Amino acid sequence: MANVDSTRGFVPICHLSGGEIRPRSYEADEDSDTIYKGDVVTLGTNGKATLAAAGDVVLGIAAETKTTLEGQQISVFDDPNIIYEVQGYTGVTFALGMVGEKADFVATAGTAATGM
């Protein structure tokens, strides 16, 4: 049976230590666009959480959607021991032997329809 084509960003699956997966609160960059749950987040030059672009140093994954960022806090999964599930890029085939490999993310683009 084929996998469902369901774009939803990064979804935390488990913690390497078996512990609880907990987000940490960061001040959101008011100059950033909407940050959707599952988006890749980085720290901007002002030290505030903002959307990451391909090639940025990753802070973590947004644990919630925030549409108004001015003066807001945003929850971010920033523990490097969290294992995530994410949909692969269209046209790229992953083999069983690639499980556990590292990869770059290509895009961060949420939708207001799902909030993800």
Protein backbone atom coordinates (compact mmCIF):
# COMPACT_ATOMS: atom_id res chain seq x y z
CA MET A 1 0.00 0.00 0.00
CA ALA A 2 1.36 3.42 -0.95
CA ASN A 3 2.06 6.12 1.61
CA VAL A 4 -0.42 8.97 1.87
CA ASP A 5 0.80 12.20 0.24
CA SER A 6 0.20 14.47 3.24
CA THR A 7 2.48 17.47 3.57
CA ARG A 8 2.68 18.48 7.23
CA GLY A 9 6.25 19.53 7.95
CA PHE A 10 8.42 17.81 10.54
CA VAL A 11 6.51 15.69 13.08
CA PRO A 12 8.29 14.54 16.27
CA ILE A 13 8.02 10.74 16.57
CA CYS A 14 10.12 9.82 19.59
CA HIS A 15 13.09 10.78 21.74
CA LEU A 16 16.35 8.81 21.54
CA SER A 17 16.43 8.42 25.33
CA GLY A 18 12.79 7.35 25.48
CA GLY A 19 12.01 10.55 27.37
CA GLU A 20 9.21 13.03 26.86
CA ILE A 21 9.37 15.32 23.84
CA ARG A 22 9.14 18.89 25.16
CA PRO A 23 9.28 22.21 23.34
CA ARG A 24 11.07 25.29 24.65
CA SER A 25 9.71 28.84 24.35
CA TYR A 26 11.55 31.44 22.24
CA GLU A 27 10.76 35.04 21.42
CA ALA A 28 9.44 35.21 17.86
CA ASP A 29 10.96 37.60 15.31
CA GLU A 30 8.23 40.14 14.55
CA ASP A 31 9.73 40.69 11.08
CA SER A 32 9.23 37.01 10.19
CA ASP A 33 6.34 35.61 8.18
CA THR A 34 3.82 33.30 9.81
CA ILE A 35 5.54 30.31 11.39
CA TYR A 36 3.55 27.10 10.98
CA LYS A 37 3.64 23.97 13.12
CA GLY A 38 6.32 21.69 11.64
CA ASP A 39 8.34 24.53 10.06
CA VAL A 40 12.11 24.61 10.40
CA VAL A 41 13.18 27.48 12.67
CA THR A 42 16.49 29.29 13.14
CA LEU A 43 17.69 32.19 15.29
CA GLY A 44 17.83 35.47 13.40
CA THR A 45 20.65 37.98 13.78
CA ASN A 46 18.57 39.60 16.55
CA GLY A 47 18.51 36.31 18.52
CA LYS A 48 14.80 35.72 17.91
CA ALA A 49 13.13 32.65 16.37
CA THR A 50 12.41 33.01 12.66
CA LEU A 51 11.74 30.77 9.65
CA ALA A 52 14.84 28.98 8.42
CA ALA A 53 15.91 28.87 4.79
CA ALA A 54 17.84 26.05 3.15
CA GLY A 55 21.44 26.27 4.37
CA ASP A 56 20.62 28.03 7.67
CA VAL A 57 21.77 26.63 11.00
CA VAL A 58 18.68 24.92 12.41
CA LEU A 59 17.44 25.80 15.88
CA GLY A 60 14.56 23.32 15.80
CA ILE A 61 11.02 22.65 14.63
CA ALA A 62 8.02 24.86 15.41
CA ALA A 63 5.66 23.10 17.83
CA GLU A 64 2.78 25.47 17.11
CA THR A 65 1.47 27.90 14.50
CA LYS A 66 1.85 31.63 15.11
CA THR A 67 0.33 34.10 12.65
CA THR A 68 0.93 37.29 14.66
CA LEU A 69 4.54 37.32 15.79
CA GLU A 70 5.05 40.79 17.27
CA GLY A 71 5.78 40.41 20.98
CA GLN A 72 4.89 36.71 20.89
CA GLN A 73 6.62 33.60 22.20
CA ILE A 74 6.72 30.45 20.06
CA SER A 75 7.26 26.87 21.20
CA VAL A 76 10.11 25.09 19.40
CA PHE A 77 11.30 21.49 19.60
CA ASP A 78 15.05 22.17 19.91
CA ASP A 79 16.38 18.93 21.44
CA PRO A 80 18.84 17.27 19.00
CA ASN A 81 17.78 13.83 20.30
CA ILE A 82 14.27 14.04 18.85
CA ILE A 83 13.52 11.82 15.86
CA TYR A 84 11.20 13.35 13.25
CA GLU A 85 9.09 12.11 10.38
CA VAL A 86 8.86 14.29 7.28
CA GLN A 87 7.57 13.89 3.75
CA GLY A 88 10.27 13.55 1.11
CA TYR A 89 10.74 15.89 -1.80
CA THR A 90 8.73 15.04 -4.93
CA GLY A 91 10.69 12.90 -7.37
CA VAL A 92 13.28 11.71 -4.85
CA THR A 93 13.26 8.00 -4.07
CA PHE A 94 14.50 6.76 -0.71
CA ALA A 95 15.80 3.22 -0.33
CA LEU A 96 15.51 1.13 2.83
CA GLY A 97 19.28 1.46 3.37
CA MET A 98 18.86 5.24 3.72
CA VAL A 99 16.88 5.05 6.98
CA GLY A 100 18.68 7.12 9.61
CA GLU A 101 20.62 9.19 7.08
CA LYS A 102 20.86 12.98 7.29
CA ALA A 103 19.39 15.30 4.67
CA ASP A 104 18.93 18.99 3.93
CA PHE A 105 15.45 20.49 3.94
CA VAL A 106 14.35 22.10 0.71
CA ALA A 107 11.48 24.38 1.65
CA THR A 108 9.45 25.74 4.51
CA ALA A 109 5.99 26.80 3.36
CA GLY A 110 2.97 26.30 5.57
CA THR A 111 -0.67 26.81 4.70
CA ALA A 112 -3.40 28.62 6.60
CA ALA A 113 -5.87 25.88 5.57
CA THR A 114 -4.23 23.27 7.85
CA GLY A 115 -2.06 25.48 10.09
CA MET A 116 0.87 23.25 9.21
